[in-house]
Amino acid sequence: MSLKILLKAVEKDGKIDLWLSDNEGNIGVDDLRSVGGRGQKVKWKLAKDSNINKILNIYKKEDSEEVFSVKPHKVTDKKWKGVIDKDVEGDEAYNIDFEYKDGSKVSIDPVISVPPKD
């Protein structure tokens, strides 16, 4: 089963936040922590009425290990997918860059947590 992450941007007091949720029941604002398995597919999708024009990029955070063996890539402007590496474990942050409905670019850094091997 794929890890599916839903994205929705919300503006509050002039700041754009990204509300994220996944099919594991995790919810977060700007800092979702999703639990994924080795070799698991990850799919990111914009929620209905997401206030996001498009996902611009999903990539490794500079000070984190690479969590993806198949780097996240665009399927459409509203859908991306990647695969968690089979050798990674622990908590690894990554970046999501997106274009808000007003054209401004926003970047957030959620986390994928991969439990240690048995």
N, C-alpha and C. Protein backbone atom coordinates (compact mmCIF):
# COMPACT_ATOMS: atom_id res chain seq x y z
N MET A 1 0.84 -1.18 0.00
CA MET A 1 0.00 0.00 0.00
C MET A 1 0.89 1.25 0.00
N SER A 2 0.51 2.22 -0.78
CA SER A 2 1.25 3.47 -0.88
C SER A 2 0.96 4.37 0.31
N LEU A 3 1.95 5.20 0.65
CA LEU A 3 1.75 6.28 1.61
C LEU A 3 1.24 7.45 0.80
N LYS A 4 0.04 7.94 1.12
CA LYS A 4 -0.57 9.03 0.37
C LYS A 4 -0.63 10.26 1.26
N ILE A 5 -0.09 11.37 0.76
CA ILE A 5 -0.04 12.61 1.51
C ILE A 5 -0.83 13.68 0.76
N LEU A 6 -1.79 14.28 1.46
CA LEU A 6 -2.67 15.29 0.90
C LEU A 6 -2.21 16.67 1.36
N LEU A 7 -2.19 17.65 0.46
CA LEU A 7 -1.70 19.00 0.76
C LEU A 7 -2.79 20.04 0.53
N LYS A 8 -2.85 21.02 1.44
CA LYS A 8 -3.77 22.14 1.31
C LYS A 8 -3.14 23.37 1.95
N ALA A 9 -3.09 24.48 1.24
CA ALA A 9 -2.51 25.72 1.77
C ALA A 9 -3.61 26.59 2.37
N VAL A 10 -3.29 27.21 3.51
CA VAL A 10 -4.23 28.08 4.19
C VAL A 10 -3.48 29.34 4.62
N GLU A 11 -4.06 30.50 4.33
CA GLU A 11 -3.45 31.76 4.73
C GLU A 11 -4.11 32.26 6.00
N LYS A 12 -3.27 32.57 7.00
CA LYS A 12 -3.78 33.07 8.28
C LYS A 12 -2.86 34.19 8.75
N ASP A 13 -3.42 35.34 9.01
CA ASP A 13 -2.66 36.50 9.47
C ASP A 13 -1.50 36.82 8.54
N GLY A 14 -1.72 36.69 7.23
CA GLY A 14 -0.70 37.01 6.24
C GLY A 14 0.36 35.95 6.03
N LYS A 15 0.30 34.84 6.76
CA LYS A 15 1.28 33.75 6.61
C LYS A 15 0.60 32.56 5.94
N ILE A 16 1.29 31.95 4.99
CA ILE A 16 0.76 30.78 4.30
C ILE A 16 1.28 29.53 4.98
N ASP A 17 0.36 28.72 5.49
CA ASP A 17 0.69 27.45 6.11
C ASP A 17 0.25 26.32 5.20
N LEU A 18 0.92 25.18 5.32
CA LEU A 18 0.54 24.01 4.55
C LEU A 18 -0.03 22.97 5.50
N TRP A 19 -1.28 22.63 5.29
CA TRP A 19 -1.93 21.58 6.07
C TRP A 19 -1.71 20.28 5.33
N LEU A 20 -1.17 19.29 6.03
CA LEU A 20 -0.88 18.00 5.43
C LEU A 20 -1.59 16.89 6.20
N SER A 21 -1.99 15.87 5.50
CA SER A 21 -2.55 14.69 6.15
C SER A 21 -2.15 13.48 5.31
N ASP A 22 -2.10 12.31 5.96
CA ASP A 22 -1.77 11.11 5.20
C ASP A 22 -2.79 10.01 5.48
N ASN A 23 -2.70 8.95 4.71
CA ASN A 23 -3.66 7.86 4.85
C ASN A 23 -3.38 6.98 6.07
N GLU A 24 -2.39 7.36 6.89
CA GLU A 24 -2.11 6.66 8.15
C GLU A 24 -2.79 7.39 9.31
N GLY A 25 -3.50 8.49 9.04
CA GLY A 25 -4.20 9.24 10.07
C GLY A 25 -3.39 10.37 10.68
N ASN A 26 -2.19 10.64 10.17
CA ASN A 26 -1.36 11.72 10.68
C ASN A 26 -1.77 13.04 10.04
N ILE A 27 -1.79 14.10 10.85
CA ILE A 27 -2.16 15.43 10.39
C ILE A 27 -1.15 16.41 10.95
N GLY A 28 -0.77 17.40 10.17
CA GLY A 28 0.16 18.42 10.64
C GLY A 28 0.05 19.69 9.85
N VAL A 29 0.52 20.78 10.45
CA VAL A 29 0.59 22.07 9.77
C VAL A 29 2.07 22.39 9.60
N ASP A 30 2.53 22.38 8.37
CA ASP A 30 3.92 22.66 7.98
C ASP A 30 4.91 21.57 8.40
N ASP A 31 4.55 20.68 9.31
CA ASP A 31 5.55 19.73 9.80
C ASP A 31 4.99 18.31 10.01
N LEU A 32 4.29 17.81 9.04
CA LEU A 32 3.74 16.45 9.13
C LEU A 32 4.85 15.42 9.30
N ARG A 33 4.63 14.46 10.19
CA ARG A 33 5.54 13.33 10.37
C ARG A 33 4.78 12.08 9.93
N SER A 34 5.12 11.57 8.75
CA SER A 34 4.49 10.36 8.22
C SER A 34 5.41 9.18 8.47
N VAL A 35 4.82 8.04 8.79
CA VAL A 35 5.59 6.82 8.97
C VAL A 35 5.50 6.02 7.68
N GLY A 36 6.68 5.72 7.11
CA GLY A 36 6.73 4.97 5.86
C GLY A 36 7.58 3.73 6.01
N GLY A 37 7.41 2.81 5.09
CA GLY A 37 8.18 1.58 5.10
C GLY A 37 9.22 1.56 4.01
N ARG A 38 10.23 0.76 4.19
CA ARG A 38 11.28 0.62 3.18
C ARG A 38 10.69 0.13 1.86
N GLY A 39 11.05 0.82 0.79
CA GLY A 39 10.57 0.44 -0.54
C GLY A 39 9.14 0.86 -0.82
N GLN A 40 8.51 1.57 0.11
CA GLN A 40 7.12 1.97 -0.06
C GLN A 40 7.00 3.15 -1.02
N LYS A 41 5.98 3.11 -1.86
CA LYS A 41 5.68 4.23 -2.74
C LYS A 41 5.04 5.34 -1.92
N VAL A 42 5.39 6.59 -2.26
CA VAL A 42 4.79 7.77 -1.63
C VAL A 42 4.15 8.59 -2.73
N LYS A 43 2.91 9.01 -2.48
CA LYS A 43 2.19 9.83 -3.44
C LYS A 43 1.72 11.10 -2.74
N TRP A 44 2.03 12.25 -3.34
CA TRP A 44 1.58 13.53 -2.84
C TRP A 44 0.51 14.05 -3.79
N LYS A 45 -0.57 14.59 -3.22
CA LYS A 45 -1.68 15.05 -4.05
C LYS A 45 -2.28 16.30 -3.41
N LEU A 46 -2.68 17.24 -4.24
CA LEU A 46 -3.35 18.43 -3.75
C LEU A 46 -4.79 18.10 -3.38
N ALA A 47 -5.22 18.60 -2.23
CA ALA A 47 -6.60 18.42 -1.80
C ALA A 47 -7.53 19.24 -2.69
N LYS A 48 -8.80 18.86 -2.69
CA LYS A 48 -9.79 19.65 -3.39
C LYS A 48 -9.80 21.03 -2.75
N ASP A 49 -9.89 22.09 -3.53
CA ASP A 49 -9.84 23.46 -3.01
C ASP A 49 -8.57 23.68 -2.18
N SER A 50 -7.43 23.24 -2.70
CA SER A 50 -6.16 23.28 -1.97
C SER A 50 -5.54 24.67 -1.87
N ASN A 51 -5.99 25.61 -2.70
CA ASN A 51 -5.39 26.95 -2.78
C ASN A 51 -3.96 26.92 -3.31
N ILE A 52 -3.57 25.81 -3.92
CA ILE A 52 -2.23 25.64 -4.48
C ILE A 52 -2.36 25.49 -5.99
N ASN A 53 -1.59 26.29 -6.74
CA ASN A 53 -1.60 26.16 -8.19
C ASN A 53 -0.91 24.89 -8.64
N LYS A 54 0.26 24.61 -8.02
CA LYS A 54 1.00 23.41 -8.40
C LYS A 54 2.12 23.14 -7.40
N ILE A 55 2.52 21.89 -7.35
CA ILE A 55 3.70 21.48 -6.60
C ILE A 55 4.88 21.77 -7.51
N LEU A 56 5.87 22.50 -7.00
CA LEU A 56 7.03 22.88 -7.81
C LEU A 56 8.16 21.85 -7.70
N ASN A 57 8.38 21.32 -6.49
CA ASN A 57 9.49 20.39 -6.30
C ASN A 57 9.33 19.69 -4.95
N ILE A 58 9.80 18.45 -4.88
CA ILE A 58 9.89 17.69 -3.64
C ILE A 58 11.28 17.09 -3.65
N TYR A 59 12.08 17.39 -2.61
CA TYR A 59 13.49 16.99 -2.65
C TYR A 59 14.08 16.90 -1.25
N LYS A 60 15.25 16.29 -1.17
CA LYS A 60 15.98 16.06 0.07
C LYS A 60 16.32 17.38 0.74
N LYS A 61 16.11 17.45 2.05
CA LYS A 61 16.53 18.62 2.82
C LYS A 61 18.04 18.57 2.96
N GLU A 62 18.68 19.71 2.88
CA GLU A 62 20.14 19.80 2.82
C GLU A 62 20.86 19.02 3.93
N ASP A 63 20.37 19.08 5.15
CA ASP A 63 21.07 18.43 6.25
C ASP A 63 20.50 17.05 6.63
N SER A 64 19.73 16.44 5.74
CA SER A 64 19.16 15.12 5.97
C SER A 64 19.75 14.10 5.02
N GLU A 65 19.60 12.84 5.39
CA GLU A 65 19.98 11.74 4.49
C GLU A 65 18.92 11.65 3.40
N GLU A 66 19.30 11.08 2.27
CA GLU A 66 18.33 10.87 1.18
C GLU A 66 17.37 9.76 1.58
N VAL A 67 16.11 10.07 1.68
CA VAL A 67 15.11 9.10 2.10
C VAL A 67 14.50 8.36 0.90
N PHE A 68 14.70 8.88 -0.30
CA PHE A 68 14.05 8.31 -1.48
C PHE A 68 15.05 7.61 -2.40
N SER A 69 14.71 6.36 -2.80
CA SER A 69 15.52 5.67 -3.80
C SER A 69 15.07 6.09 -5.19
N VAL A 70 13.78 6.32 -5.35
CA VAL A 70 13.24 6.92 -6.57
C VAL A 70 12.83 8.32 -6.17
N LYS A 71 13.59 9.30 -6.64
CA LYS A 71 13.35 10.68 -6.24
C LYS A 71 11.93 11.10 -6.61
N PRO A 72 11.30 11.90 -5.75
CA PRO A 72 9.96 12.38 -6.07
C PRO A 72 9.97 13.10 -7.42
N HIS A 73 8.96 12.79 -8.20
CA HIS A 73 8.86 13.39 -9.52
C HIS A 73 7.40 13.69 -9.85
N LYS A 74 7.25 14.63 -10.74
CA LYS A 74 5.93 15.12 -11.13
C LYS A 74 5.21 14.11 -12.00
N VAL A 75 3.96 13.84 -11.63
CA VAL A 75 3.04 13.07 -12.47
C VAL A 75 2.18 14.09 -13.22
N THR A 76 1.63 15.04 -12.46
CA THR A 76 0.91 16.20 -13.00
C THR A 76 1.29 17.38 -12.09
N ASP A 77 0.78 18.58 -12.37
CA ASP A 77 1.04 19.73 -11.50
C ASP A 77 0.50 19.49 -10.09
N LYS A 78 -0.48 18.59 -9.98
CA LYS A 78 -1.15 18.35 -8.69
C LYS A 78 -0.81 17.02 -8.06
N LYS A 79 0.00 16.21 -8.71
CA LYS A 79 0.36 14.89 -8.18
C LYS A 79 1.84 14.60 -8.40
N TRP A 80 2.50 14.10 -7.36
CA TRP A 80 3.90 13.69 -7.44
C TRP A 80 4.02 12.31 -6.81
N LYS A 81 5.07 11.57 -7.15
CA LYS A 81 5.30 10.28 -6.50
C LYS A 81 6.79 9.99 -6.39
N GLY A 82 7.14 9.12 -5.45
CA GLY A 82 8.51 8.69 -5.21
C GLY A 82 8.48 7.37 -4.46
N VAL A 83 9.67 6.84 -4.13
CA VAL A 83 9.78 5.57 -3.41
C VAL A 83 10.79 5.73 -2.28
N ILE A 84 10.42 5.28 -1.08
CA ILE A 84 11.32 5.32 0.08
C ILE A 84 12.43 4.30 -0.13
N ASP A 85 13.67 4.70 0.16
CA ASP A 85 14.83 3.83 0.01
C ASP A 85 14.72 2.61 0.93
N LYS A 86 15.23 1.47 0.47
CA LYS A 86 15.16 0.23 1.25
C LYS A 86 16.16 0.19 2.39
N ASP A 87 17.16 1.08 2.40
CA ASP A 87 18.19 1.05 3.43
C ASP A 87 18.08 2.18 4.46
N VAL A 88 17.12 3.06 4.31
CA VAL A 88 17.01 4.21 5.22
C VAL A 88 16.26 3.81 6.49
N GLU A 89 16.59 4.47 7.59
CA GLU A 89 15.80 4.34 8.81
C GLU A 89 15.93 5.61 9.62
N GLY A 90 14.95 5.85 10.47
CA GLY A 90 14.96 7.06 11.28
C GLY A 90 14.09 8.14 10.68
N ASP A 91 14.24 9.35 11.21
CA ASP A 91 13.45 10.50 10.78
C ASP A 91 14.26 11.33 9.79
N GLU A 92 13.73 11.54 8.61
CA GLU A 92 14.41 12.34 7.59
C GLU A 92 13.47 13.41 7.06
N ALA A 93 13.94 14.65 7.11
CA ALA A 93 13.16 15.77 6.59
C ALA A 93 13.41 15.90 5.08
N TYR A 94 12.42 16.41 4.41
CA TYR A 94 12.54 16.71 2.98
C TYR A 94 11.77 17.99 2.72
N ASN A 95 11.96 18.59 1.58
CA ASN A 95 11.31 19.86 1.25
C ASN A 95 10.19 19.66 0.23
N ILE A 96 9.14 20.42 0.41
CA ILE A 96 8.08 20.54 -0.60
C ILE A 96 7.99 22.02 -0.96
N ASP A 97 8.22 22.34 -2.22
CA ASP A 97 8.05 23.71 -2.72
C ASP A 97 6.75 23.72 -3.53
N PHE A 98 5.92 24.74 -3.28
CA PHE A 98 4.68 24.83 -4.05
C PHE A 98 4.37 26.28 -4.37
N GLU A 99 3.49 26.45 -5.34
CA GLU A 99 3.04 27.78 -5.75
C GLU A 99 1.64 28.00 -5.19
N TYR A 100 1.53 29.00 -4.31
CA TYR A 100 0.24 29.35 -3.71
C TYR A 100 -0.66 29.97 -4.79
N LYS A 101 -1.95 30.02 -4.53
CA LYS A 101 -2.91 30.50 -5.53
C LYS A 101 -2.63 31.92 -6.02
N ASP A 102 -1.93 32.75 -5.20
CA ASP A 102 -1.61 34.11 -5.63
C ASP A 102 -0.29 34.18 -6.40
N GLY A 103 0.33 33.03 -6.64
CA GLY A 103 1.58 32.98 -7.41
C GLY A 103 2.83 32.98 -6.54
N SER A 104 2.70 33.22 -5.23
CA SER A 104 3.89 33.21 -4.37
C SER A 104 4.38 31.78 -4.16
N LYS A 105 5.70 31.66 -3.98
CA LYS A 105 6.32 30.35 -3.79
C LYS A 105 6.56 30.12 -2.30
N VAL A 106 6.22 28.91 -1.83
CA VAL A 106 6.33 28.56 -0.42
C VAL A 106 7.08 27.23 -0.31
N SER A 107 7.91 27.10 0.72
CA SER A 107 8.65 25.86 0.96
C SER A 107 8.43 25.41 2.40
N ILE A 108 8.14 24.14 2.60
CA ILE A 108 8.01 23.57 3.95
C ILE A 108 8.83 22.28 4.00
N ASP A 109 9.06 21.78 5.23
CA ASP A 109 9.90 20.59 5.37
C ASP A 109 9.29 19.56 6.32
N PRO A 110 8.40 18.72 5.78
CA PRO A 110 7.84 17.64 6.59
C PRO A 110 8.88 16.53 6.80
N VAL A 111 8.49 15.48 7.53
CA VAL A 111 9.41 14.39 7.87
C VAL A 111 8.78 13.05 7.50
N ILE A 112 9.60 12.16 6.99
CA ILE A 112 9.21 10.75 6.85
C ILE A 112 10.00 9.97 7.88
N SER A 113 9.30 9.20 8.69
CA SER A 113 9.92 8.39 9.73
C SER A 113 9.87 6.93 9.29
N VAL A 114 11.04 6.28 9.22
CA VAL A 114 11.11 4.88 8.83
C VAL A 114 11.62 4.09 10.05
N PRO A 115 10.79 3.18 10.58
CA PRO A 115 11.20 2.42 11.75
C PRO A 115 12.44 1.57 11.47
N PRO A 116 13.23 1.28 12.53
CA PRO A 116 14.43 0.44 12.35
C PRO A 116 14.06 -0.97 11.89
N LYS A 117 15.02 -1.62 11.25
CA LYS A 117 14.80 -3.01 10.82
C LYS A 117 14.65 -3.89 12.04
N ASP A 118 13.85 -4.94 11.90
CA ASP A 118 13.66 -5.89 13.00
C ASP A 118 14.93 -6.63 13.33
